[in-house]
Amino acid sequence: MPKQDKLELITTKLTPLALKLVRVIAAMTGEKQYQVLERVLKAELERVQNEQGQPTGQPMGKQGNSLP
């Protein structure tokens, strides 16, 4: 993950099972929980885009910036 000057985090809701899975993966990889979520969600987005035959270009964030 690239270093950022100021990391912006938000609060979100997860099921107890999802939280447990994120914690286990984070413990196994040494990543932060938010890093695990980002990595897994980016991989899932790419998988869904490939499955649907959509281009895997960068989606736009809320600020109009491309996601990394």
Protein backbone atom coordinates (compact mmCIF):
# COMPACT_ATOMS: atom_id res chain seq x y z
CA MET A 1 0.00 0.00 0.00
CA PRO A 2 1.34 3.44 -0.87
CA LYS A 3 2.10 5.75 2.06
CA GLN A 4 -0.25 8.69 2.43
CA ASP A 5 0.40 11.92 4.32
CA LYS A 6 -2.95 11.76 6.10
CA LEU A 7 -4.99 8.61 6.13
CA GLU A 8 -8.74 9.18 6.06
CA LEU A 9 -10.74 6.41 7.72
CA ILE A 10 -14.49 6.05 8.13
CA THR A 11 -16.69 3.86 10.29
CA THR A 12 -18.65 1.10 8.61
CA LYS A 13 -20.74 -1.87 9.65
CA LEU A 14 -19.72 -5.49 9.23
CA THR A 15 -21.37 -8.71 10.25
CA PRO A 16 -19.65 -10.52 13.13
CA LEU A 17 -18.44 -13.19 10.69
CA ALA A 18 -17.03 -10.61 8.25
CA LEU A 19 -15.19 -8.86 11.08
CA LYS A 20 -13.75 -12.16 12.28
CA LEU A 21 -12.56 -12.99 8.77
CA VAL A 22 -10.93 -9.58 8.33
CA ARG A 23 -9.20 -9.93 11.70
CA VAL A 24 -7.90 -13.41 10.89
CA ILE A 25 -6.56 -12.31 7.50
CA ALA A 26 -4.97 -9.22 9.05
CA ALA A 27 -3.30 -11.34 11.74
CA MET A 28 -2.02 -13.83 9.18
CA THR A 29 -0.66 -11.20 6.77
CA GLY A 30 0.46 -8.50 9.18
CA GLU A 31 -1.73 -5.96 7.41
CA LYS A 32 -4.04 -3.47 9.07
CA GLN A 33 -7.71 -4.43 8.93
CA TYR A 34 -8.50 -1.53 6.59
CA GLN A 35 -5.68 -2.67 4.28
CA VAL A 36 -7.19 -6.16 4.12
CA LEU A 37 -10.61 -4.73 3.24
CA GLU A 38 -9.16 -2.49 0.51
CA ARG A 39 -7.14 -5.31 -1.05
CA VAL A 40 -9.99 -7.82 -0.98
CA LEU A 41 -12.54 -5.32 -2.31
CA LYS A 42 -10.26 -4.22 -5.16
CA ALA A 43 -9.73 -7.87 -6.13
CA GLU A 44 -13.49 -8.49 -6.00
CA LEU A 45 -14.21 -5.44 -8.14
CA GLU A 46 -11.74 -6.66 -10.75
CA ARG A 47 -13.26 -10.17 -10.65
CA VAL A 48 -16.81 -8.84 -11.13
CA GLN A 49 -15.73 -6.52 -13.94
CA ASN A 50 -14.00 -9.41 -15.73
CA GLU A 51 -17.01 -11.66 -15.21
CA GLN A 52 -19.34 -9.05 -16.69
CA GLY A 53 -17.01 -8.23 -19.56
CA GLN A 54 -16.55 -4.66 -18.37
CA PRO A 55 -13.28 -2.83 -18.80
CA THR A 56 -11.08 -2.95 -15.72
CA GLY A 57 -10.35 0.76 -15.89
CA GLN A 58 -10.14 2.79 -12.72
CA PRO A 59 -13.55 3.59 -11.20
CA MET A 60 -14.13 7.13 -10.01
CA GLY A 61 -14.06 8.02 -6.32
CA LYS A 62 -16.43 10.48 -4.66
CA GLN A 63 -14.00 13.35 -5.25
CA GLY A 64 -13.78 12.56 -8.95
CA ASN A 65 -10.35 11.00 -8.49
CA SER A 66 -9.49 7.59 -9.81
CA LEU A 67 -9.13 4.91 -7.19
CA PRO A 68 -5.57 3.59 -6.81
